[in-house]
Amino acid sequence: MINKKFRENYFQNINTQNKGYHLGWMYADGNVAATSNQIGFTINPKDIEQVEKFKADMAISNNPTFHRKDDKYDMVSFHFSSKIMRGDLIKLGCTPKKSLTLQAPIDMDPRLRRHNIRGYFDGDGSIGYMGKNKQPQVTFVGTEKMLKWIQNELPVPSHIYAFTHAHVNTRRLVVTKQKDVIDLYDYLYKGETRSLSRKKSKFAEIKTDLQARHRNKKNS
């Protein structure tokens, strides 16, 4: 049952960083049904905080469903129904089967774009090391149009590559230089009020490690 205080108009006007963030999250991991008014997403149980943030900001009373496999919870789904919110999300480009068609946000306030990108990163991004030399790598995955928009917004250089084994419209955007990764952390997280704790912590650890590497190289 939907709470009477449910903010169905939440996405009607993207005018706060939290709205920008949640829209970015929906661009990445959200699902808008094609033949009903159902909206939601499915995540790893370790990221259940995303459900709680969504519920808090939109005053949604629905509870998530935990799915078991081999005696373990391996998936959490969160769904609710709203004709108004579904319509607003579709207008903003969050359409059914968006993984094949997603484009850049329409007329978003430039001050909110990094929050939207952070939300997208929390859904379809990753941070880690590559190879024996521990080369840092930040990756975004998505449609070519969405990634080109992100590339134009980021304050650091990046490259977009095609996946040889995936759908023709799927690409990955990559940032690899140490200083660029450090600067990207600051761009994404400065003054943030919504983020995925697990991913932010990992990014912060890598940033600290890269800064230490730079100091050691400078002093050697």
N, C-alpha and C. Protein backbone atom coordinates (compact mmCIF):
# COMPACT_ATOMS: atom_id res chain seq x y z
N MET A 1 0.85 -1.20 0.00
CA MET A 1 0.00 0.00 0.00
C MET A 1 0.89 1.25 0.00
N ILE A 2 0.57 2.23 -0.84
CA ILE A 2 1.36 3.45 -0.96
C ILE A 2 1.01 4.43 0.15
N ASN A 3 2.01 4.99 0.78
CA ASN A 3 1.84 6.02 1.79
C ASN A 3 1.14 7.24 1.17
N LYS A 4 0.17 7.82 1.89
CA LYS A 4 -0.53 8.99 1.37
C LYS A 4 0.42 10.18 1.20
N LYS A 5 1.55 10.16 1.90
CA LYS A 5 2.52 11.24 1.79
C LYS A 5 3.55 11.00 0.69
N PHE A 6 3.40 9.90 -0.02
CA PHE A 6 4.31 9.54 -1.11
C PHE A 6 4.46 10.71 -2.07
N ARG A 7 5.71 11.10 -2.34
CA ARG A 7 5.99 12.25 -3.20
C ARG A 7 6.04 11.80 -4.67
N GLU A 8 4.85 11.61 -5.25
CA GLU A 8 4.78 11.13 -6.63
C GLU A 8 5.38 12.11 -7.62
N ASN A 9 5.42 13.39 -7.26
CA ASN A 9 5.95 14.41 -8.16
C ASN A 9 7.45 14.64 -7.99
N TYR A 10 8.11 13.73 -7.29
CA TYR A 10 9.52 13.91 -6.93
C TYR A 10 10.39 14.25 -8.14
N PHE A 11 10.18 13.58 -9.26
CA PHE A 11 11.02 13.79 -10.44
C PHE A 11 10.45 14.81 -11.43
N GLN A 12 9.41 15.50 -11.02
CA GLN A 12 8.80 16.47 -11.94
C GLN A 12 9.73 17.65 -12.20
N ASN A 13 10.50 18.02 -11.20
CA ASN A 13 11.44 19.13 -11.33
C ASN A 13 12.74 18.75 -10.64
N ILE A 14 13.80 18.56 -11.41
CA ILE A 14 15.09 18.16 -10.84
C ILE A 14 15.81 19.42 -10.38
N ASN A 15 15.61 19.77 -9.12
CA ASN A 15 16.11 21.05 -8.60
C ASN A 15 16.92 20.91 -7.31
N THR A 16 17.28 19.68 -6.92
CA THR A 16 18.14 19.46 -5.75
C THR A 16 19.16 18.40 -6.10
N GLN A 17 20.25 18.34 -5.34
CA GLN A 17 21.27 17.34 -5.64
C GLN A 17 20.75 15.93 -5.38
N ASN A 18 19.87 15.75 -4.38
CA ASN A 18 19.32 14.42 -4.13
C ASN A 18 18.48 13.93 -5.30
N LYS A 19 17.68 14.82 -5.87
CA LYS A 19 16.88 14.44 -7.04
C LYS A 19 17.79 14.10 -8.22
N GLY A 20 18.82 14.90 -8.42
CA GLY A 20 19.77 14.61 -9.49
C GLY A 20 20.44 13.27 -9.30
N TYR A 21 20.80 12.97 -8.05
CA TYR A 21 21.45 11.70 -7.73
C TYR A 21 20.51 10.52 -8.01
N HIS A 22 19.30 10.59 -7.47
CA HIS A 22 18.36 9.48 -7.64
C HIS A 22 18.01 9.26 -9.11
N LEU A 23 17.92 10.34 -9.88
CA LEU A 23 17.66 10.19 -11.31
C LEU A 23 18.83 9.48 -11.99
N GLY A 24 20.05 9.82 -11.61
CA GLY A 24 21.22 9.13 -12.14
C GLY A 24 21.21 7.66 -11.80
N TRP A 25 20.81 7.35 -10.56
CA TRP A 25 20.70 5.96 -10.13
C TRP A 25 19.66 5.21 -10.97
N MET A 26 18.52 5.87 -11.21
CA MET A 26 17.48 5.24 -12.02
C MET A 26 17.94 5.05 -13.46
N TYR A 27 18.72 6.00 -14.00
CA TYR A 27 19.27 5.83 -15.34
C TYR A 27 20.10 4.55 -15.42
N ALA A 28 20.83 4.27 -14.35
CA ALA A 28 21.74 3.12 -14.36
C ALA A 28 21.04 1.82 -13.99
N ASP A 29 20.38 1.79 -12.83
CA ASP A 29 19.85 0.53 -12.30
C ASP A 29 18.34 0.46 -12.23
N GLY A 30 17.66 1.55 -12.57
CA GLY A 30 16.21 1.57 -12.43
C GLY A 30 15.49 0.80 -13.53
N ASN A 31 14.25 0.46 -13.23
CA ASN A 31 13.41 -0.23 -14.19
C ASN A 31 12.04 0.44 -14.23
N VAL A 32 11.63 0.86 -15.42
CA VAL A 32 10.31 1.43 -15.64
C VAL A 32 9.56 0.47 -16.54
N ALA A 33 8.45 -0.07 -16.05
CA ALA A 33 7.72 -1.09 -16.80
C ALA A 33 7.15 -0.54 -18.09
N ALA A 34 7.05 -1.41 -19.09
CA ALA A 34 6.53 -1.00 -20.40
C ALA A 34 5.01 -1.02 -20.45
N THR A 35 4.37 -1.91 -19.69
CA THR A 35 2.91 -2.09 -19.80
C THR A 35 2.16 -1.85 -18.51
N SER A 36 2.85 -1.32 -17.49
CA SER A 36 2.17 -0.99 -16.23
C SER A 36 2.85 0.24 -15.65
N ASN A 37 2.41 0.66 -14.47
CA ASN A 37 2.99 1.84 -13.82
C ASN A 37 4.05 1.48 -12.80
N GLN A 38 4.56 0.26 -12.86
CA GLN A 38 5.55 -0.20 -11.89
C GLN A 38 6.92 0.41 -12.15
N ILE A 39 7.58 0.78 -11.05
CA ILE A 39 8.92 1.37 -11.06
C ILE A 39 9.74 0.65 -10.00
N GLY A 40 11.02 0.50 -10.21
CA GLY A 40 11.84 -0.11 -9.16
C GLY A 40 13.24 -0.43 -9.62
N PHE A 41 13.92 -1.24 -8.81
CA PHE A 41 15.26 -1.68 -9.15
C PHE A 41 15.61 -2.92 -8.34
N THR A 42 16.61 -3.64 -8.80
CA THR A 42 17.08 -4.85 -8.12
C THR A 42 18.57 -4.70 -7.86
N ILE A 43 18.99 -5.00 -6.62
CA ILE A 43 20.37 -4.75 -6.22
C ILE A 43 20.92 -5.90 -5.38
N ASN A 44 22.22 -5.84 -5.11
CA ASN A 44 22.87 -6.75 -4.18
C ASN A 44 22.44 -6.39 -2.76
N PRO A 45 22.21 -7.37 -1.90
CA PRO A 45 21.79 -7.07 -0.53
C PRO A 45 22.74 -6.15 0.24
N LYS A 46 24.02 -6.16 -0.11
CA LYS A 46 24.98 -5.31 0.61
C LYS A 46 24.76 -3.83 0.32
N ASP A 47 23.95 -3.53 -0.69
CA ASP A 47 23.66 -2.14 -1.03
C ASP A 47 22.24 -1.74 -0.66
N ILE A 48 21.68 -2.41 0.35
CA ILE A 48 20.30 -2.15 0.77
C ILE A 48 20.09 -0.69 1.17
N GLU A 49 21.15 0.00 1.52
CA GLU A 49 21.03 1.42 1.89
C GLU A 49 20.39 2.24 0.79
N GLN A 50 20.57 1.81 -0.47
CA GLN A 50 19.98 2.55 -1.58
C GLN A 50 18.45 2.55 -1.50
N VAL A 51 17.89 1.43 -1.08
CA VAL A 51 16.44 1.35 -0.91
C VAL A 51 15.98 2.31 0.18
N GLU A 52 16.71 2.33 1.29
CA GLU A 52 16.32 3.18 2.41
C GLU A 52 16.39 4.66 2.04
N LYS A 53 17.39 5.05 1.27
CA LYS A 53 17.51 6.45 0.84
C LYS A 53 16.38 6.82 -0.11
N PHE A 54 16.06 5.91 -1.01
CA PHE A 54 14.96 6.13 -1.95
C PHE A 54 13.65 6.30 -1.18
N LYS A 55 13.41 5.41 -0.24
CA LYS A 55 12.18 5.46 0.55
C LYS A 55 12.10 6.75 1.35
N ALA A 56 13.20 7.16 1.95
CA ALA A 56 13.21 8.35 2.79
C ALA A 56 12.95 9.61 1.97
N ASP A 57 13.60 9.74 0.83
CA ASP A 57 13.48 10.96 0.05
C ASP A 57 12.14 11.10 -0.65
N MET A 58 11.49 9.97 -0.93
CA MET A 58 10.21 10.01 -1.65
C MET A 58 9.02 9.61 -0.79
N ALA A 59 9.29 9.33 0.48
CA ALA A 59 8.23 8.93 1.42
C ALA A 59 7.44 7.72 0.90
N ILE A 60 8.19 6.71 0.48
CA ILE A 60 7.57 5.47 -0.01
C ILE A 60 7.51 4.46 1.13
N SER A 61 6.36 3.86 1.34
CA SER A 61 6.21 2.92 2.45
C SER A 61 6.45 1.47 2.04
N ASN A 62 6.52 1.20 0.74
CA ASN A 62 6.76 -0.18 0.28
C ASN A 62 8.08 -0.70 0.84
N ASN A 63 8.12 -1.99 1.11
CA ASN A 63 9.34 -2.62 1.61
C ASN A 63 9.99 -3.46 0.52
N PRO A 64 11.31 -3.63 0.58
CA PRO A 64 12.01 -4.45 -0.42
C PRO A 64 11.71 -5.93 -0.23
N THR A 65 11.95 -6.70 -1.27
CA THR A 65 11.79 -8.15 -1.22
C THR A 65 13.17 -8.80 -1.32
N PHE A 66 13.47 -9.67 -0.38
CA PHE A 66 14.76 -10.36 -0.37
C PHE A 66 14.60 -11.73 -1.03
N HIS A 67 15.47 -12.04 -1.97
CA HIS A 67 15.40 -13.29 -2.71
C HIS A 67 16.55 -14.20 -2.28
N ARG A 68 16.21 -15.46 -2.04
CA ARG A 68 17.21 -16.41 -1.55
C ARG A 68 17.67 -17.35 -2.66
N LYS A 69 18.95 -17.72 -2.57
CA LYS A 69 19.52 -18.73 -3.46
C LYS A 69 20.60 -19.46 -2.69
N ASP A 70 20.51 -20.78 -2.66
CA ASP A 70 21.48 -21.60 -1.92
C ASP A 70 21.58 -21.13 -0.47
N ASP A 71 20.42 -20.90 0.16
CA ASP A 71 20.33 -20.51 1.57
C ASP A 71 20.97 -19.17 1.87
N LYS A 72 21.15 -18.33 0.87
CA LYS A 72 21.69 -16.99 1.07
C LYS A 72 20.82 -15.98 0.34
N TYR A 73 20.78 -14.77 0.90
CA TYR A 73 20.10 -13.69 0.19
C TYR A 73 21.06 -13.17 -0.88
N ASP A 74 20.70 -13.34 -2.14
CA ASP A 74 21.61 -12.94 -3.21
C ASP A 74 21.05 -11.78 -4.04
N MET A 75 19.84 -11.32 -3.70
CA MET A 75 19.24 -10.26 -4.49
C MET A 75 18.13 -9.56 -3.69
N VAL A 76 18.03 -8.25 -3.88
CA VAL A 76 16.96 -7.48 -3.26
C VAL A 76 16.24 -6.69 -4.34
N SER A 77 14.93 -6.83 -4.40
CA SER A 77 14.16 -6.05 -5.37
C SER A 77 13.26 -5.07 -4.62
N PHE A 78 13.09 -3.90 -5.20
CA PHE A 78 12.27 -2.85 -4.61
C PHE A 78 11.39 -2.25 -5.71
N HIS A 79 10.08 -2.39 -5.55
CA HIS A 79 9.16 -1.92 -6.58
C HIS A 79 7.95 -1.22 -5.97
N PHE A 80 7.42 -0.28 -6.71
CA PHE A 80 6.20 0.41 -6.32
C PHE A 80 5.51 0.89 -7.59
N SER A 81 4.32 1.40 -7.48
CA SER A 81 3.55 1.80 -8.65
C SER A 81 3.14 3.26 -8.57
N SER A 82 3.36 3.99 -9.67
CA SER A 82 2.94 5.39 -9.74
C SER A 82 2.86 5.82 -11.20
N LYS A 83 1.68 6.17 -11.63
CA LYS A 83 1.49 6.64 -13.00
C LYS A 83 2.19 7.98 -13.20
N ILE A 84 2.10 8.85 -12.18
CA ILE A 84 2.71 10.19 -12.28
C ILE A 84 4.23 10.09 -12.37
N MET A 85 4.85 9.36 -11.45
CA MET A 85 6.30 9.25 -11.45
C MET A 85 6.82 8.53 -12.68
N ARG A 86 6.11 7.50 -13.10
CA ARG A 86 6.52 6.78 -14.32
C ARG A 86 6.55 7.73 -15.51
N GLY A 87 5.51 8.56 -15.62
CA GLY A 87 5.46 9.51 -16.72
C GLY A 87 6.59 10.52 -16.67
N ASP A 88 6.91 11.01 -15.46
CA ASP A 88 8.00 11.98 -15.32
C ASP A 88 9.34 11.35 -15.66
N LEU A 89 9.56 10.12 -15.22
CA LEU A 89 10.83 9.44 -15.52
C LEU A 89 10.99 9.22 -17.02
N ILE A 90 9.92 8.84 -17.69
CA ILE A 90 10.00 8.63 -19.13
C ILE A 90 10.32 9.95 -19.84
N LYS A 91 9.71 11.04 -19.40
CA LYS A 91 10.01 12.35 -19.99
C LYS A 91 11.49 12.71 -19.82
N LEU A 92 12.09 12.24 -18.73
CA LEU A 92 13.50 12.53 -18.44
C LEU A 92 14.45 11.53 -19.11
N GLY A 93 13.90 10.61 -19.90
CA GLY A 93 14.74 9.66 -20.63
C GLY A 93 14.89 8.31 -19.99
N CYS A 94 14.29 8.12 -18.81
CA CYS A 94 14.37 6.82 -18.12
C CYS A 94 13.19 5.97 -18.61
N THR A 95 13.35 5.38 -19.77
CA THR A 95 12.28 4.66 -20.45
C THR A 95 12.40 3.15 -20.26
N PRO A 96 11.35 2.41 -20.59
CA PRO A 96 11.48 0.95 -20.62
C PRO A 96 12.59 0.56 -21.61
N LYS A 97 13.35 -0.46 -21.27
CA LYS A 97 14.46 -0.94 -22.11
C LYS A 97 15.49 0.17 -22.39
N LYS A 98 15.70 1.03 -21.39
CA LYS A 98 16.60 2.18 -21.55
C LYS A 98 18.05 1.78 -21.78
N SER A 99 18.43 0.55 -21.42
CA SER A 99 19.83 0.13 -21.59
C SER A 99 20.26 0.20 -23.06
N LEU A 100 19.28 0.19 -23.97
CA LEU A 100 19.60 0.25 -25.39
C LEU A 100 19.41 1.65 -25.97
N THR A 101 18.73 2.53 -25.23
CA THR A 101 18.34 3.82 -25.81
C THR A 101 18.70 5.04 -24.97
N LEU A 102 19.23 4.86 -23.77
CA LEU A 102 19.42 5.97 -22.83
C LEU A 102 20.25 7.10 -23.44
N GLN A 103 19.71 8.33 -23.30
CA GLN A 103 20.41 9.51 -23.77
C GLN A 103 20.70 10.43 -22.60
N ALA A 104 21.34 11.54 -22.88
CA ALA A 104 21.72 12.49 -21.83
C ALA A 104 20.49 13.14 -21.22
N PRO A 105 20.58 13.56 -19.94
CA PRO A 105 19.47 14.28 -19.30
C PRO A 105 19.10 15.54 -20.08
N ILE A 106 17.83 15.84 -20.09
CA ILE A 106 17.34 17.00 -20.85
C ILE A 106 17.35 18.25 -19.96
N ASP A 107 18.07 19.27 -20.40
CA ASP A 107 18.04 20.59 -19.74
C ASP A 107 18.28 20.54 -18.24
N MET A 108 19.22 19.72 -17.79
CA MET A 108 19.50 19.65 -16.35
C MET A 108 20.37 20.83 -15.91
N ASP A 109 20.04 21.39 -14.77
CA ASP A 109 20.82 22.47 -14.18
C ASP A 109 22.29 22.06 -14.12
N PRO A 110 23.20 22.81 -14.71
CA PRO A 110 24.63 22.45 -14.70
C PRO A 110 25.18 22.19 -13.30
N ARG A 111 24.62 22.85 -12.29
CA ARG A 111 25.10 22.67 -10.92
C ARG A 111 24.73 21.30 -10.35
N LEU A 112 23.78 20.62 -10.97
CA LEU A 112 23.31 19.33 -10.46
C LEU A 112 23.85 18.15 -11.27
N ARG A 113 24.56 18.43 -12.34
CA ARG A 113 24.97 17.35 -13.23
C ARG A 113 25.96 16.38 -12.59
N ARG A 114 26.87 16.88 -11.77
CA ARG A 114 27.84 15.96 -11.15
C ARG A 114 27.14 15.02 -10.16
N HIS A 115 26.04 15.48 -9.56
CA HIS A 115 25.29 14.61 -8.65
C HIS A 115 24.56 13.52 -9.44
N ASN A 116 24.06 13.90 -10.61
CA ASN A 116 23.44 12.93 -11.50
C ASN A 116 24.46 11.89 -11.96
N ILE A 117 25.66 12.35 -12.28
CA ILE A 117 26.72 11.45 -12.73
C ILE A 117 27.14 10.53 -11.58
N ARG A 118 27.18 11.05 -10.36
CA ARG A 118 27.52 10.22 -9.20
C ARG A 118 26.48 9.11 -9.01
N GLY A 119 25.20 9.46 -9.15
CA GLY A 119 24.16 8.45 -9.06
C GLY A 119 24.31 7.39 -10.13
N TYR A 120 24.63 7.82 -11.34
CA TYR A 120 24.84 6.88 -12.43
C TYR A 120 26.05 6.00 -12.16
N PHE A 121 27.11 6.61 -11.64
CA PHE A 121 28.32 5.85 -11.31
C PHE A 121 28.03 4.79 -10.25
N ASP A 122 27.22 5.13 -9.26
CA ASP A 122 26.90 4.16 -8.21
C ASP A 122 26.13 2.97 -8.75
N GLY A 123 25.41 3.17 -9.85
CA GLY A 123 24.69 2.06 -10.46
C GLY A 123 25.48 1.33 -11.51
N ASP A 124 26.12 2.07 -12.43
CA ASP A 124 26.81 1.45 -13.57
C ASP A 124 28.27 1.87 -13.68
N GLY A 125 28.90 2.11 -12.56
CA GLY A 125 30.31 2.47 -12.57
C GLY A 125 31.12 1.57 -11.66
N SER A 126 32.44 1.66 -11.79
CA SER A 126 33.32 0.86 -10.93
C SER A 126 34.65 1.57 -10.76
N ILE A 127 35.36 1.21 -9.69
CA ILE A 127 36.68 1.76 -9.39
C ILE A 127 37.56 0.63 -8.90
N GLY A 128 38.78 0.55 -9.42
CA GLY A 128 39.67 -0.51 -8.98
C GLY A 128 41.04 -0.37 -9.59
N TYR A 129 41.85 -1.42 -9.43
CA TYR A 129 43.20 -1.46 -10.00
C TYR A 129 43.26 -2.48 -11.12
N MET A 130 44.12 -2.20 -12.10
CA MET A 130 44.30 -3.10 -13.23
C MET A 130 45.77 -3.52 -13.32
N GLY A 131 46.01 -4.82 -13.51
CA GLY A 131 47.35 -5.32 -13.78
C GLY A 131 48.29 -5.35 -12.58
N LYS A 132 49.50 -5.86 -12.83
CA LYS A 132 50.50 -6.01 -11.77
C LYS A 132 50.98 -4.67 -11.22
N ASN A 133 50.96 -3.65 -12.05
CA ASN A 133 51.41 -2.32 -11.62
C ASN A 133 50.33 -1.52 -10.89
N LYS A 134 49.18 -2.15 -10.68
CA LYS A 134 48.06 -1.52 -9.98
C LYS A 134 47.71 -0.16 -10.59
N GLN A 135 47.42 -0.20 -11.87
CA GLN A 135 46.98 1.00 -12.57
C GLN A 135 45.53 1.29 -12.16
N PRO A 136 45.27 2.48 -11.63
CA PRO A 136 43.89 2.78 -11.23
C PRO A 136 42.99 2.91 -12.46
N GLN A 137 41.73 2.53 -12.29
CA GLN A 137 40.80 2.65 -13.41
C GLN A 137 39.39 2.91 -12.89
N VAL A 138 38.81 4.00 -13.36
CA VAL A 138 37.41 4.31 -13.10
C VAL A 138 36.65 4.05 -14.39
N THR A 139 35.56 3.31 -14.29
CA THR A 139 34.81 2.92 -15.48
C THR A 139 33.33 3.23 -15.33
N PHE A 140 32.74 3.78 -16.38
CA PHE A 140 31.29 3.93 -16.51
C PHE A 140 30.86 3.07 -17.68
N VAL A 141 29.73 2.39 -17.58
CA VAL A 141 29.21 1.58 -18.66
C VAL A 141 27.84 2.12 -19.07
N GLY A 142 27.59 2.18 -20.39
CA GLY A 142 26.29 2.66 -20.83
C GLY A 142 26.21 2.85 -22.33
N THR A 143 25.17 3.54 -22.76
CA THR A 143 25.02 3.83 -24.18
C THR A 143 26.04 4.87 -24.62
N GLU A 144 26.32 4.90 -25.90
CA GLU A 144 27.31 5.84 -26.41
C GLU A 144 26.89 7.29 -26.14
N LYS A 145 25.62 7.61 -26.34
CA LYS A 145 25.16 8.98 -26.13
C LYS A 145 25.27 9.41 -24.67
N MET A 146 24.91 8.50 -23.76
CA MET A 146 25.00 8.83 -22.34
C MET A 146 26.46 9.04 -21.92
N LEU A 147 27.33 8.17 -22.38
CA LEU A 147 28.74 8.27 -22.00
C LEU A 147 29.42 9.50 -22.61
N LYS A 148 29.01 9.88 -23.80
CA LYS A 148 29.57 11.10 -24.39
C LYS A 148 29.16 12.33 -23.60
N TRP A 149 27.93 12.32 -23.10
CA TRP A 149 27.47 13.43 -22.24
C TRP A 149 28.30 13.48 -20.96
N ILE A 150 28.49 12.31 -20.32
CA ILE A 150 29.31 12.25 -19.11
C ILE A 150 30.73 12.71 -19.41
N GLN A 151 31.29 12.25 -20.50
CA GLN A 151 32.65 12.62 -20.90
C GLN A 151 32.78 14.14 -21.02
N ASN A 152 31.79 14.79 -21.59
CA ASN A 152 31.83 16.24 -21.76
C ASN A 152 31.69 16.98 -20.43
N GLU A 153 31.06 16.35 -19.45
CA GLU A 153 30.86 16.98 -18.15
C GLU A 153 32.04 16.78 -17.20
N LEU A 154 32.74 15.67 -17.33
CA LEU A 154 33.83 15.37 -16.41
C LEU A 154 34.97 16.39 -16.53
N PRO A 155 35.62 16.74 -15.41
CA PRO A 155 36.72 17.71 -15.45
C PRO A 155 38.06 17.08 -15.79
N VAL A 156 38.06 15.79 -16.12
CA VAL A 156 39.31 15.08 -16.41
C VAL A 156 39.18 14.36 -17.75
N PRO A 157 40.32 14.07 -18.41
CA PRO A 157 40.28 13.34 -19.68
C PRO A 157 39.77 11.91 -19.50
N SER A 158 39.09 11.41 -20.51
CA SER A 158 38.59 10.03 -20.48
C SER A 158 38.54 9.50 -21.90
N HIS A 159 38.36 8.19 -22.00
CA HIS A 159 38.26 7.54 -23.32
C HIS A 159 37.06 6.61 -23.32
N ILE A 160 36.40 6.51 -24.46
CA ILE A 160 35.24 5.63 -24.61
C ILE A 160 35.60 4.49 -25.55
N TYR A 161 35.30 3.26 -25.10
CA TYR A 161 35.62 2.08 -25.88
C TYR A 161 34.37 1.23 -26.07
N ALA A 162 34.34 0.49 -27.17
CA ALA A 162 33.25 -0.45 -27.43
C ALA A 162 33.57 -1.79 -26.79
N PHE A 163 32.54 -2.53 -26.41
CA PHE A 163 32.69 -3.91 -25.96
C PHE A 163 32.57 -4.80 -27.19
N THR A 164 33.54 -5.64 -27.42
CA THR A 164 33.50 -6.49 -28.61
C THR A 164 32.47 -7.61 -28.46
N HIS A 165 32.12 -7.97 -27.21
CA HIS A 165 31.24 -9.11 -26.99
C HIS A 165 29.82 -8.69 -26.62
N ALA A 166 29.56 -7.39 -26.53
CA ALA A 166 28.26 -6.93 -26.04
C ALA A 166 27.43 -6.29 -27.14
N HIS A 167 26.26 -5.80 -26.74
CA HIS A 167 25.36 -5.15 -27.69
C HIS A 167 26.07 -3.97 -28.36
N VAL A 168 25.72 -3.71 -29.60
CA VAL A 168 26.39 -2.69 -30.40
C VAL A 168 26.33 -1.31 -29.76
N ASN A 169 25.34 -1.05 -28.93
CA ASN A 169 25.18 0.28 -28.34
C ASN A 169 25.81 0.41 -26.96
N THR A 170 26.45 -0.64 -26.47
CA THR A 170 27.05 -0.60 -25.14
C THR A 170 28.51 -0.18 -25.23
N ARG A 171 28.88 0.78 -24.39
CA ARG A 171 30.25 1.30 -24.37
C ARG A 171 30.74 1.38 -22.92
N ARG A 172 32.04 1.64 -22.79
CA ARG A 172 32.59 1.91 -21.47
C ARG A 172 33.46 3.16 -21.54
N LEU A 173 33.32 4.01 -20.56
CA LEU A 173 34.13 5.21 -20.44
C LEU A 173 35.15 4.97 -19.34
N VAL A 174 36.41 5.28 -19.62
CA VAL A 174 37.50 4.92 -18.71
C VAL A 174 38.38 6.13 -18.38
N VAL A 175 38.71 6.27 -17.09
CA VAL A 175 39.68 7.25 -16.60
C VAL A 175 40.79 6.48 -15.90
N THR A 176 42.06 6.72 -16.27
CA THR A 176 43.14 5.89 -15.74
C THR A 176 44.31 6.63 -15.10
N LYS A 177 44.58 7.84 -15.48
CA LYS A 177 45.75 8.53 -14.93
C LYS A 177 45.54 8.83 -13.45
N GLN A 178 46.63 8.68 -12.67
CA GLN A 178 46.52 8.81 -11.22
C GLN A 178 45.93 10.15 -10.79
N LYS A 179 46.46 11.23 -11.31
CA LYS A 179 45.97 12.56 -10.92
C LYS A 179 44.51 12.74 -11.34
N ASP A 180 44.14 12.20 -12.49
CA ASP A 180 42.77 12.33 -12.97
C ASP A 180 41.80 11.56 -12.06
N VAL A 181 42.21 10.40 -11.59
CA VAL A 181 41.37 9.62 -10.68
C VAL A 181 41.17 10.37 -9.36
N ILE A 182 42.24 10.98 -8.85
CA ILE A 182 42.15 11.78 -7.62
C ILE A 182 41.19 12.96 -7.83
N ASP A 183 41.37 13.67 -8.92
CA ASP A 183 40.52 14.83 -9.21
C ASP A 183 39.06 14.41 -9.43
N LEU A 184 38.85 13.23 -10.02
CA LEU A 184 37.49 12.75 -10.26
C LEU A 184 36.78 12.45 -8.95
N TYR A 185 37.52 11.91 -7.98
CA TYR A 185 36.92 11.67 -6.66
C TYR A 185 36.39 12.98 -6.08
N ASP A 186 37.21 14.03 -6.12
CA ASP A 186 36.80 15.32 -5.57
C ASP A 186 35.59 15.88 -6.31
N TYR A 187 35.57 15.72 -7.62
CA TYR A 187 34.45 16.20 -8.43
C TYR A 187 33.15 15.48 -8.05
N LEU A 188 33.22 14.17 -7.89
CA LEU A 188 32.02 13.40 -7.61
C LEU A 188 31.50 13.58 -6.19
N TYR A 189 32.40 13.69 -5.22
CA TYR A 189 31.98 13.57 -3.82
C TYR A 189 32.02 14.85 -2.99
N LYS A 190 32.56 15.92 -3.51
CA LYS A 190 32.62 17.15 -2.72
C LYS A 190 31.20 17.62 -2.37
N GLY A 191 30.93 17.73 -1.05
CA GLY A 191 29.66 18.24 -0.57
C GLY A 191 28.47 17.35 -0.84
N GLU A 192 28.70 16.07 -1.12
CA GLU A 192 27.58 15.19 -1.48
C GLU A 192 26.73 14.83 -0.26
N THR A 193 25.45 14.61 -0.51
CA THR A 193 24.53 14.17 0.54
C THR A 193 23.93 12.80 0.24
N ARG A 194 24.19 12.28 -0.95
CA ARG A 194 23.73 10.94 -1.33
C ARG A 194 24.81 10.24 -2.14
N SER A 195 25.19 9.06 -1.69
CA SER A 195 26.15 8.25 -2.42
C SER A 195 26.08 6.83 -1.88
N LEU A 196 26.63 5.89 -2.62
CA LEU A 196 26.70 4.50 -2.17
C LEU A 196 27.95 4.34 -1.31
N SER A 197 27.76 4.08 -0.02
CA SER A 197 28.86 4.08 0.94
C SER A 197 29.99 3.14 0.54
N ARG A 198 29.65 1.95 0.10
CA ARG A 198 30.66 0.96 -0.26
C ARG A 198 31.56 1.47 -1.38
N LYS A 199 30.96 2.06 -2.40
CA LYS A 199 31.73 2.52 -3.54
C LYS A 199 32.55 3.76 -3.19
N LYS A 200 31.96 4.66 -2.41
CA LYS A 200 32.69 5.85 -2.00
C LYS A 200 33.90 5.48 -1.15
N SER A 201 33.74 4.52 -0.24
CA SER A 201 34.85 4.10 0.62
C SER A 201 35.99 3.50 -0.19
N LYS A 202 35.64 2.69 -1.18
CA LYS A 202 36.67 2.08 -2.03
C LYS A 202 37.40 3.15 -2.82
N PHE A 203 36.65 4.11 -3.36
CA PHE A 203 37.24 5.20 -4.13
C PHE A 203 38.16 6.03 -3.24
N ALA A 204 37.74 6.30 -2.00
CA ALA A 204 38.54 7.09 -1.07
C ALA A 204 39.84 6.37 -0.72
N GLU A 205 39.78 5.04 -0.53
CA GLU A 205 40.98 4.26 -0.23
C GLU A 205 41.98 4.34 -1.39
N ILE A 206 41.48 4.23 -2.60
CA ILE A 206 42.36 4.29 -3.76
C ILE A 206 42.94 5.70 -3.92
N LYS A 207 42.14 6.71 -3.67
CA LYS A 207 42.64 8.08 -3.72
C LYS A 207 43.78 8.27 -2.72
N THR A 208 43.60 7.81 -1.49
CA THR A 208 44.63 7.93 -0.46
C THR A 208 45.90 7.20 -0.86
N ASP A 209 45.74 6.01 -1.44
CA ASP A 209 46.89 5.22 -1.89
C ASP A 209 47.64 5.95 -3.01
N LEU A 210 46.91 6.53 -3.95
CA LEU A 210 47.54 7.24 -5.06
C LEU A 210 48.27 8.49 -4.58
N GLN A 211 47.71 9.17 -3.61
CA GLN A 211 48.37 10.35 -3.05
C GLN A 211 49.66 9.95 -2.34
N ALA A 212 49.63 8.80 -1.64
CA ALA A 212 50.83 8.31 -0.97
C ALA A 212 51.90 7.92 -1.99
N ARG A 213 51.49 7.30 -3.06
CA ARG A 213 52.43 6.93 -4.13
C ARG A 213 53.12 8.20 -4.68
N HIS A 214 52.31 9.24 -4.89
CA HIS A 214 52.84 10.47 -5.45
C HIS A 214 53.87 11.09 -4.50
N ARG A 215 53.57 11.08 -3.20
CA ARG A 215 54.51 11.65 -2.21
C ARG A 215 55.79 10.84 -2.17
N ASN A 216 55.67 9.52 -2.19
CA ASN A 216 56.86 8.67 -2.13
C ASN A 216 57.74 8.86 -3.36
N LYS A 217 57.11 8.99 -4.50
CA LYS A 217 57.86 9.20 -5.75
C LYS A 217 58.56 10.55 -5.72
N LYS A 218 57.88 11.54 -5.17
CA LYS A 218 58.45 12.89 -5.09
C LYS A 218 59.64 12.95 -4.15
N ASN A 219 59.59 12.13 -3.08
CA ASN A 219 60.64 12.16 -2.06
C ASN A 219 61.78 11.20 -2.36
N SER A 220 61.61 10.34 -3.35
CA SER A 220 62.65 9.34 -3.64
C SER A 220 63.78 9.92 -4.47
